[in-house]
Amino acid sequence: MAARPQPTARRISLGHELRQLRKEAGLTMAEAVKDLPFDESTLQRVETGWKSFRQAGHLRDLLERYGITDDDEVDRLVALQREASSREWWTGTGTTMLSGMPRFLGVESIAREIRMFHPTVVPGLLQTEAYAQAVHDLHKPIDETTTEFVQQSVQLRMKRKEALTREEDPLKLWAILYEPALRYSLGDAQTMHGQYAALAELAALENVTLQVLPQAGSGYVAFHHVNIMILGDGLPTTVQTDTAWFTVAVSDKPREVGRFARMFDAMAAGALPPGDTVKLLHQLSREVSG
């Protein structure tokens, strides 16, 4: 008996993209599948990552209905479906910080809880608009990105943050903030004041836990970005990190998920209690003023 299809990060991301394309086309599920060789139930399972179309032709038919006619885009989505059973991948290569982001965002958008750490900057979901702008401006001459790209990237980051403060079922976030990253000055003093104040406000939310990993500590520190996305509803926990080639590495392979979980747990054990976070943020803000 053939193994029953299971949700993978790749299936979930494809489903997210198809759901977005359907919404952009202004179609309900019933309208999307009308006269096509599959029903609403099949499309629903594809959009939620539980199933792949049996034939590439079915996906091509759907994309045509959505008005997607660019051959490269169609081929990309067909290739994504063909490799949907893979439990890990590089989500694309390129010269911009958003290479592969649509696939990663598909997984992030349905996460119930995220645990994250970044060794050099405040994690993206916690950044203020001014701080995010400063991060992108710093990289702009290196990455040779355009002003328009930077503006779009910053606005996308601000849109993603809304999950933390939405009224219905807000995203749970547990972040380890590395003290050297907090002290790394980006932009002017006002930018840093605003970032520290925003972190203090977020720390007060019931769905947000912030811990600071002290600079003077001697425990474990990850050398790279750590992002653990807990999806729930039987979907696989997925991990993500950025690479030096501006690709987004994503995996729901149990071995990698377990490794990232151990990394995060080790840093959480060496971090200060959440109750100390706001006090330290106020201290850092005063130091910036001094």
Protein backbone atom coordinates (compact mmCIF):
# COMPACT_ATOMS: atom_id res chain seq x y z
CA MET A 1 0.00 0.00 0.00
CA ALA A 2 1.35 3.43 -0.95
CA ALA A 3 2.26 5.70 1.92
CA ARG A 4 -0.38 8.28 2.69
CA PRO A 5 0.78 11.81 1.75
CA GLN A 6 1.89 13.82 4.75
CA PRO A 7 2.24 17.57 5.12
CA THR A 8 5.78 18.80 4.59
CA ALA A 9 7.15 22.31 4.70
CA ARG A 10 7.29 22.26 0.90
CA ARG A 11 3.64 21.17 0.56
CA ILE A 12 2.58 23.80 3.08
CA SER A 13 4.45 26.56 1.24
CA LEU A 14 2.99 25.53 -2.13
CA GLY A 15 -0.48 25.50 -0.61
CA HIS A 16 0.08 28.99 0.79
CA GLU A 17 1.12 30.33 -2.60
CA LEU A 18 -1.89 28.73 -4.32
CA ARG A 19 -4.25 30.13 -1.70
CA GLN A 20 -2.79 33.61 -2.23
CA LEU A 21 -3.10 33.30 -6.00
CA ARG A 22 -6.74 32.22 -5.68
CA LYS A 23 -7.53 35.19 -3.46
CA GLU A 24 -5.74 37.56 -5.84
CA ALA A 25 -7.88 36.13 -8.65
CA GLY A 26 -10.99 36.84 -6.57
CA LEU A 27 -12.24 33.26 -6.69
CA THR A 28 -13.92 31.05 -4.12
CA MET A 29 -12.87 27.42 -3.94
CA ALA A 30 -16.06 26.41 -5.76
CA GLU A 31 -15.33 28.87 -8.55
CA ALA A 32 -11.69 27.80 -8.74
CA VAL A 33 -12.47 24.10 -9.31
CA LYS A 34 -15.52 24.53 -11.60
CA ASP A 35 -15.19 22.15 -14.60
CA LEU A 36 -11.70 21.08 -13.49
CA PRO A 37 -10.84 17.38 -12.87
CA PHE A 38 -10.79 17.72 -9.05
CA ASP A 39 -13.19 18.96 -6.38
CA GLU A 40 -13.23 21.54 -3.58
CA SER A 41 -12.11 18.97 -1.01
CA THR A 42 -8.97 18.24 -3.03
CA LEU A 43 -8.15 21.92 -3.42
CA GLN A 44 -8.73 22.53 0.28
CA ARG A 45 -6.27 19.77 1.20
CA VAL A 46 -3.73 21.08 -1.30
CA GLU A 47 -3.99 24.62 0.09
CA THR A 48 -3.46 23.38 3.65
CA GLY A 49 -0.47 21.22 2.74
CA TRP A 50 -2.04 17.82 3.31
CA LYS A 51 -2.07 16.71 -0.32
CA SER A 52 -0.47 17.25 -3.72
CA PHE A 53 -2.24 17.11 -7.07
CA ARG A 54 -1.83 13.68 -8.64
CA GLN A 55 -0.92 15.17 -11.99
CA ALA A 56 1.11 18.23 -12.94
CA GLY A 57 -1.60 18.96 -15.51
CA HIS A 58 -4.10 19.59 -12.71
CA LEU A 59 -1.84 22.23 -11.21
CA ARG A 60 -1.27 23.80 -14.64
CA ASP A 61 -5.03 23.96 -15.20
CA LEU A 62 -5.51 25.70 -11.87
CA LEU A 63 -2.74 28.20 -12.54
CA GLU A 64 -4.26 29.03 -15.91
CA ARG A 65 -7.57 29.75 -14.18
CA TYR A 66 -5.72 32.07 -11.81
CA GLY A 67 -4.23 33.93 -14.76
CA ILE A 68 -0.67 32.71 -14.20
CA THR A 69 0.78 32.43 -17.70
CA ASP A 70 4.47 33.19 -17.16
CA ASP A 71 6.28 29.99 -18.12
CA ASP A 72 9.05 30.41 -15.55
CA GLU A 73 6.54 30.91 -12.71
CA VAL A 74 4.45 27.93 -13.80
CA ASP A 75 7.54 25.73 -14.07
CA ARG A 76 8.70 26.84 -10.61
CA LEU A 77 5.41 25.86 -8.98
CA VAL A 78 5.25 22.56 -10.87
CA ALA A 79 8.79 21.75 -9.72
CA LEU A 80 7.81 22.64 -6.16
CA GLN A 81 4.93 20.17 -6.34
CA ARG A 82 7.11 17.48 -7.92
CA GLU A 83 9.49 17.64 -4.96
CA ALA A 84 6.75 18.13 -2.36
CA SER A 85 7.59 14.99 -0.41
CA SER A 86 11.09 16.30 0.35
CA ARG A 87 11.42 17.29 3.99
CA GLU A 88 14.11 19.89 3.46
CA TRP A 89 15.38 22.20 0.76
CA TRP A 90 17.21 25.39 -0.13
CA THR A 91 14.43 27.79 -1.02
CA GLY A 92 16.26 29.50 -3.82
CA THR A 93 19.44 31.39 -4.60
CA GLY A 94 19.99 34.95 -5.54
CA THR A 95 21.49 38.25 -4.49
CA THR A 96 18.70 39.64 -2.30
CA MET A 97 17.75 39.03 1.30
CA LEU A 98 14.28 37.88 0.23
CA SER A 99 15.35 35.03 -2.06
CA GLY A 100 13.04 32.11 -1.33
CA MET A 101 10.91 34.15 1.05
CA PRO A 102 7.50 33.24 -0.48
CA ARG A 103 8.06 29.59 0.42
CA PHE A 104 9.27 30.41 3.93
CA LEU A 105 6.38 32.84 4.50
CA GLY A 106 3.94 30.10 3.59
CA VAL A 107 5.10 28.08 6.57
CA GLU A 108 5.44 31.05 8.91
CA SER A 109 1.92 32.28 8.14
CA ILE A 110 0.28 29.22 9.68
CA ALA A 111 2.60 28.82 12.66
CA ARG A 112 0.94 28.73 16.09
CA GLU A 113 4.20 29.39 17.93
CA ILE A 114 7.67 30.54 16.91
CA ARG A 115 10.91 30.29 18.86
CA MET A 116 13.81 32.34 17.55
CA PHE A 117 17.31 33.63 18.12
CA HIS A 118 19.65 35.82 16.09
CA PRO A 119 23.33 36.29 17.01
CA THR A 120 23.87 39.77 15.55
CA VAL A 121 20.61 41.77 15.39
CA VAL A 122 17.15 41.96 16.94
CA PRO A 123 15.10 39.17 15.24
CA GLY A 124 13.00 40.37 12.32
CA LEU A 125 9.56 39.81 13.88
CA LEU A 126 10.55 42.14 16.74
CA GLN A 127 12.07 44.97 14.73
CA THR A 128 10.60 48.46 14.54
CA GLU A 129 10.23 50.05 11.13
CA ALA A 130 13.14 52.43 11.76
CA TYR A 131 15.41 49.61 12.97
CA ALA A 132 14.47 47.38 10.03
CA GLN A 133 15.20 50.28 7.68
CA ALA A 134 18.61 50.72 9.30
CA VAL A 135 19.37 46.99 8.89
CA HIS A 136 18.51 47.11 5.20
CA ASP A 137 20.36 50.39 4.61
CA LEU A 138 23.49 48.86 6.14
CA HIS A 139 23.34 45.93 3.71
CA LYS A 140 22.22 47.93 0.67
CA PRO A 141 25.68 48.78 -0.79
CA ILE A 142 26.88 45.22 -0.20
CA ASP A 143 23.83 43.52 -1.68
CA GLU A 144 23.38 46.16 -4.42
CA THR A 145 19.65 46.33 -3.73
CA THR A 146 17.38 49.15 -4.88
CA THR A 147 15.60 51.66 -2.67
CA GLU A 148 12.28 50.22 -3.86
CA PHE A 149 13.34 46.73 -2.79
CA VAL A 150 14.36 47.98 0.65
CA GLN A 151 11.02 49.74 1.11
CA GLN A 152 9.08 46.62 0.10
CA SER A 153 11.20 44.44 2.39
CA VAL A 154 10.67 46.70 5.39
CA GLN A 155 6.90 46.88 4.81
CA LEU A 156 6.73 43.09 4.48
CA ARG A 157 8.52 42.76 7.82
CA MET A 158 6.04 45.16 9.44
CA LYS A 159 3.13 43.16 7.98
CA ARG A 160 4.52 39.93 9.43
CA LYS A 161 4.73 41.55 12.89
CA GLU A 162 0.95 42.01 12.96
CA ALA A 163 0.56 38.33 13.86
CA LEU A 164 1.88 39.14 17.34
CA THR A 165 -0.81 41.71 18.14
CA ARG A 166 -3.86 40.47 16.23
CA GLU A 167 -6.96 40.11 18.40
CA GLU A 168 -7.85 36.55 17.41
CA ASP A 169 -5.37 33.80 18.24
CA PRO A 170 -2.19 35.90 18.25
CA LEU A 171 1.06 34.20 17.39
CA LYS A 172 3.01 32.93 20.40
CA LEU A 173 6.62 34.01 20.30
CA TRP A 174 9.56 33.03 22.48
CA ALA A 175 12.71 34.89 21.52
CA ILE A 176 16.21 34.76 22.95
CA LEU A 177 17.84 38.17 22.54
CA TYR A 178 21.64 38.09 22.55
CA GLU A 179 23.02 41.02 24.54
CA PRO A 180 25.76 41.89 21.97
CA ALA A 181 23.01 42.03 19.30
CA LEU A 182 20.99 44.39 21.49
CA ARG A 183 24.05 46.60 21.97
CA TYR A 184 24.88 46.64 18.25
CA SER A 185 23.88 50.19 17.31
CA LEU A 186 21.93 50.55 14.07
CA GLY A 187 20.71 53.93 12.85
CA ASP A 188 20.83 56.82 15.29
CA ALA A 189 20.14 56.99 19.03
CA GLN A 190 16.44 57.61 18.38
CA THR A 191 16.24 54.39 16.37
CA MET A 192 17.75 52.39 19.22
CA HIS A 193 15.55 54.10 21.84
CA GLY A 194 12.51 53.20 19.77
CA GLN A 195 13.63 49.60 19.36
CA TYR A 196 14.25 49.12 23.08
CA ALA A 197 10.86 50.66 23.91
CA ALA A 198 9.09 48.44 21.37
CA LEU A 199 10.72 45.33 22.83
CA ALA A 200 9.60 46.36 26.32
CA GLU A 201 6.02 46.74 25.08
CA LEU A 202 6.08 43.36 23.37
CA ALA A 203 7.54 41.72 26.49
CA ALA A 204 4.38 42.76 28.34
CA LEU A 205 2.15 40.74 26.01
CA GLU A 206 0.91 37.38 27.30
CA ASN A 207 1.78 35.67 24.03
CA VAL A 208 5.36 36.97 23.92
CA THR A 209 8.32 35.75 26.01
CA LEU A 210 11.63 37.59 25.69
CA GLN A 211 14.84 36.48 27.40
CA VAL A 212 18.26 38.07 27.16
CA LEU A 213 21.32 35.88 26.78
CA PRO A 214 24.04 37.87 28.62
CA GLN A 215 27.27 38.82 26.96
CA ALA A 216 29.25 37.73 30.01
CA GLY A 217 27.81 34.23 29.97
CA SER A 218 29.87 31.13 29.19
CA GLY A 219 27.07 28.88 27.95
CA TYR A 220 26.09 27.80 24.48
CA VAL A 221 25.54 30.44 21.77
CA ALA A 222 24.43 29.55 18.24
CA PHE A 223 26.59 31.03 15.50
CA HIS A 224 23.62 31.44 13.16
CA HIS A 225 19.98 32.45 13.08
CA VAL A 226 17.60 29.89 14.67
CA ASN A 227 13.89 29.85 13.83
CA ILE A 228 11.55 27.07 15.03
CA MET A 229 7.98 27.20 13.71
CA ILE A 230 5.45 25.06 15.59
CA LEU A 231 2.43 24.61 13.34
CA GLY A 232 -0.02 22.39 15.24
CA ASP A 233 -3.01 20.55 13.72
CA GLY A 234 -0.85 17.56 12.90
CA LEU A 235 1.49 19.61 10.71
CA PRO A 236 5.24 19.17 11.13
CA THR A 237 7.33 21.52 13.22
CA THR A 238 9.64 23.29 10.78
CA VAL A 239 12.99 25.02 11.25
CA GLN A 240 14.58 27.77 9.20
CA THR A 241 17.85 29.63 8.99
CA ASP A 242 19.44 32.05 6.53
CA THR A 243 22.65 31.21 4.69
CA ALA A 244 25.61 33.25 3.51
CA TRP A 245 24.33 33.00 -0.09
CA PHE A 246 21.07 34.81 0.70
CA THR A 247 19.05 31.63 0.54
CA VAL A 248 16.56 30.46 3.13
CA ALA A 249 17.22 26.94 4.38
CA VAL A 250 14.07 25.20 5.66
CA SER A 251 13.57 21.69 6.99
CA ASP A 252 10.95 19.64 8.78
CA LYS A 253 13.26 16.64 8.98
CA PRO A 254 12.99 15.34 12.59
CA ARG A 255 16.76 15.18 13.03
CA GLU A 256 17.20 18.86 12.12
CA VAL A 257 14.16 19.94 14.12
CA GLY A 258 15.56 18.14 17.15
CA ARG A 259 18.97 19.77 16.70
CA PHE A 260 17.48 23.27 16.50
CA ALA A 261 15.30 22.54 19.54
CA ARG A 262 18.37 21.51 21.57
CA MET A 263 20.19 24.67 20.46
CA PHE A 264 17.30 26.88 21.55
CA ASP A 265 16.79 25.05 24.85
CA ALA A 266 20.48 25.38 25.69
CA MET A 267 20.40 29.14 25.09
CA ALA A 268 17.14 29.56 27.02
CA ALA A 269 18.73 27.77 29.99
CA GLY A 270 21.65 30.22 29.96
CA ALA A 271 19.50 33.32 29.45
CA LEU A 272 18.25 35.67 32.15
CA PRO A 273 14.68 35.16 33.43
CA PRO A 274 11.98 36.91 31.34
CA GLY A 275 11.25 39.16 34.30
CA ASP A 276 14.71 40.77 33.94
CA THR A 277 14.27 41.69 30.28
CA VAL A 278 12.52 45.05 30.60
CA LYS A 279 14.96 46.24 33.27
CA LEU A 280 17.91 45.49 30.99
CA LEU A 281 16.21 47.19 28.03
CA HIS A 282 15.75 50.35 30.10
CA GLN A 283 19.44 50.18 31.08
CA LEU A 284 20.51 49.88 27.45
CA SER A 285 18.31 52.81 26.52
CA ARG A 286 19.94 54.96 29.19
CA GLU A 287 23.39 53.96 27.95
CA VAL A 288 22.49 55.08 24.43
CA SER A 289 21.52 58.47 25.87
CA GLY A 290 24.79 58.70 27.74
